[in-house]
Amino acid sequence: MTAEPAIRAYSYDNGRRLSQVIDSATNLTEEYTWNADNTLATIHGGSYAREFGYIEGAKLATAAGRGNC
């Protein structure tokens, strides 16, 4: 018995930034949001969420979340 290949569909917003990933093997959907300066703001997927905070120069300062990913 062979495993089904993982098939992922990727969507992008008008700024050409990743906005959604759908994994057909796990039925998991992840959604990505972005700040005005093109830094990643959040990732939401199933039972988890991650939020990112930045300091001057777009340097990652905080990463907080709930759930397991």
C-alpha atoms as a PDB file:
ATOM      1  CA  MET A   1       0.000   0.000   0.000  1.00  0.00           C
ATOM      2  CA  THR A   2       1.451   3.359  -0.992  1.00  0.00           C
ATOM      3  CA  ALA A   3       0.754   6.651   0.715  1.00  0.00           C
ATOM      4  CA  GLU A   4      -1.200   9.316  -1.104  1.00  0.00           C
ATOM      5  CA  PRO A   5       1.005  12.242  -2.126  1.00  0.00           C
ATOM      6  CA  ALA A   6       0.437  15.424  -0.174  1.00  0.00           C
ATOM      7  CA  ILE A   7      -1.325  17.945  -2.354  1.00  0.00           C
ATOM      8  CA  ARG A   8      -1.291  21.548  -1.235  1.00  0.00           C
ATOM      9  CA  ALA A   9      -3.054  24.502  -2.783  1.00  0.00           C
ATOM     10  CA  TYR A  10      -1.506  27.929  -2.282  1.00  0.00           C
ATOM     11  CA  SER A  11      -3.327  31.268  -2.514  1.00  0.00           C
ATOM     12  CA  TYR A  12      -1.806  34.740  -2.593  1.00  0.00           C
ATOM     13  CA  ASP A  13      -3.191  38.191  -1.849  1.00  0.00           C
ATOM     14  CA  ASN A  14      -3.002  41.240  -4.127  1.00  0.00           C
ATOM     15  CA  GLY A  15       0.451  42.028  -2.713  1.00  0.00           C
ATOM     16  CA  ARG A  16       1.670  38.584  -3.869  1.00  0.00           C
ATOM     17  CA  ARG A  17       2.009  37.427  -0.260  1.00  0.00           C
ATOM     18  CA  LEU A  18       0.976  33.948   0.838  1.00  0.00           C
ATOM     19  CA  SER A  19      -2.572  34.139   2.190  1.00  0.00           C
ATOM     20  CA  GLN A  20      -3.740  30.522   2.435  1.00  0.00           C
ATOM     21  CA  VAL A  21      -2.447  26.957   2.267  1.00  0.00           C
ATOM     22  CA  ILE A  22      -4.835  24.031   1.987  1.00  0.00           C
ATOM     23  CA  ASP A  23      -3.387  20.561   2.599  1.00  0.00           C
ATOM     24  CA  SER A  24      -5.674  17.971   1.025  1.00  0.00           C
ATOM     25  CA  ALA A  25      -3.982  15.080   2.845  1.00  0.00           C
ATOM     26  CA  THR A  26      -4.807  16.455   6.309  1.00  0.00           C
ATOM     27  CA  ASN A  27      -7.733  18.734   5.392  1.00  0.00           C
ATOM     28  CA  LEU A  28      -5.876  21.514   7.213  1.00  0.00           C
ATOM     29  CA  THR A  29      -6.252  25.118   6.080  1.00  0.00           C
ATOM     30  CA  GLU A  30      -3.772  27.759   7.218  1.00  0.00           C
ATOM     31  CA  GLU A  31      -4.506  31.445   6.719  1.00  0.00           C
ATOM     32  CA  TYR A  32      -1.818  34.121   6.771  1.00  0.00           C
ATOM     33  CA  THR A  33      -2.276  37.850   7.355  1.00  0.00           C
ATOM     34  CA  TRP A  34       0.281  40.559   6.778  1.00  0.00           C
ATOM     35  CA  ASN A  35       1.063  43.986   8.192  1.00  0.00           C
ATOM     36  CA  ALA A  36       1.278  47.072   5.977  1.00  0.00           C
ATOM     37  CA  ASP A  37       5.098  46.797   6.016  1.00  0.00           C
ATOM     38  CA  ASN A  38       4.896  43.231   4.592  1.00  0.00           C
ATOM     39  CA  THR A  39       5.793  41.494   7.845  1.00  0.00           C
ATOM     40  CA  LEU A  40       3.818  38.403   8.804  1.00  0.00           C
ATOM     41  CA  ALA A  41       1.090  39.310  11.311  1.00  0.00           C
ATOM     42  CA  THR A  42      -0.762  36.049  11.997  1.00  0.00           C
ATOM     43  CA  ILE A  43      -1.078  32.404  11.061  1.00  0.00           C
ATOM     44  CA  HIS A  44      -4.370  30.639  11.796  1.00  0.00           C
ATOM     45  CA  GLY A  45      -4.816  26.943  11.182  1.00  0.00           C
ATOM     46  CA  GLY A  46      -7.298  24.494  12.604  1.00  0.00           C
ATOM     47  CA  SER A  47      -6.887  24.572  16.372  1.00  0.00           C
ATOM     48  CA  TYR A  48      -3.922  26.940  16.538  1.00  0.00           C
ATOM     49  CA  ALA A  49      -3.040  30.564  15.953  1.00  0.00           C
ATOM     50  CA  ARG A  50       0.220  32.502  16.007  1.00  0.00           C
ATOM     51  CA  GLU A  51       0.689  36.274  16.233  1.00  0.00           C
ATOM     52  CA  PHE A  52       3.945  38.058  15.481  1.00  0.00           C
ATOM     53  CA  GLY A  53       5.209  41.415  16.715  1.00  0.00           C
ATOM     54  CA  TYR A  54       8.101  43.418  15.345  1.00  0.00           C
ATOM     55  CA  ILE A  55      10.438  46.196  16.367  1.00  0.00           C
ATOM     56  CA  GLU A  56      11.978  48.856  14.160  1.00  0.00           C
ATOM     57  CA  GLY A  57      13.616  47.437  11.081  1.00  0.00           C
ATOM     58  CA  ALA A  58      11.077  44.595  10.778  1.00  0.00           C
ATOM     59  CA  LYS A  59      12.957  42.488  13.329  1.00  0.00           C
ATOM     60  CA  LEU A  60      10.827  39.824  14.986  1.00  0.00           C
ATOM     61  CA  ALA A  61      10.284  40.771  18.635  1.00  0.00           C
ATOM     62  CA  THR A  62       7.443  38.491  19.789  1.00  0.00           C
ATOM     63  CA  ALA A  63       5.719  35.330  18.696  1.00  0.00           C
ATOM     64  CA  ALA A  64       2.709  34.256  20.711  1.00  0.00           C
ATOM     65  CA  GLY A  65      -0.005  31.747  20.142  1.00  0.00           C
ATOM     66  CA  ARG A  66      -2.443  29.135  21.274  1.00  0.00           C
ATOM     67  CA  GLY A  67      -2.708  25.481  20.402  1.00  0.00           C
ATOM     68  CA  ASN A  68      -0.135  23.175  18.882  1.00  0.00           C
ATOM     69  CA  CYS A  69       1.306  23.457  15.437  1.00  0.00           C
END
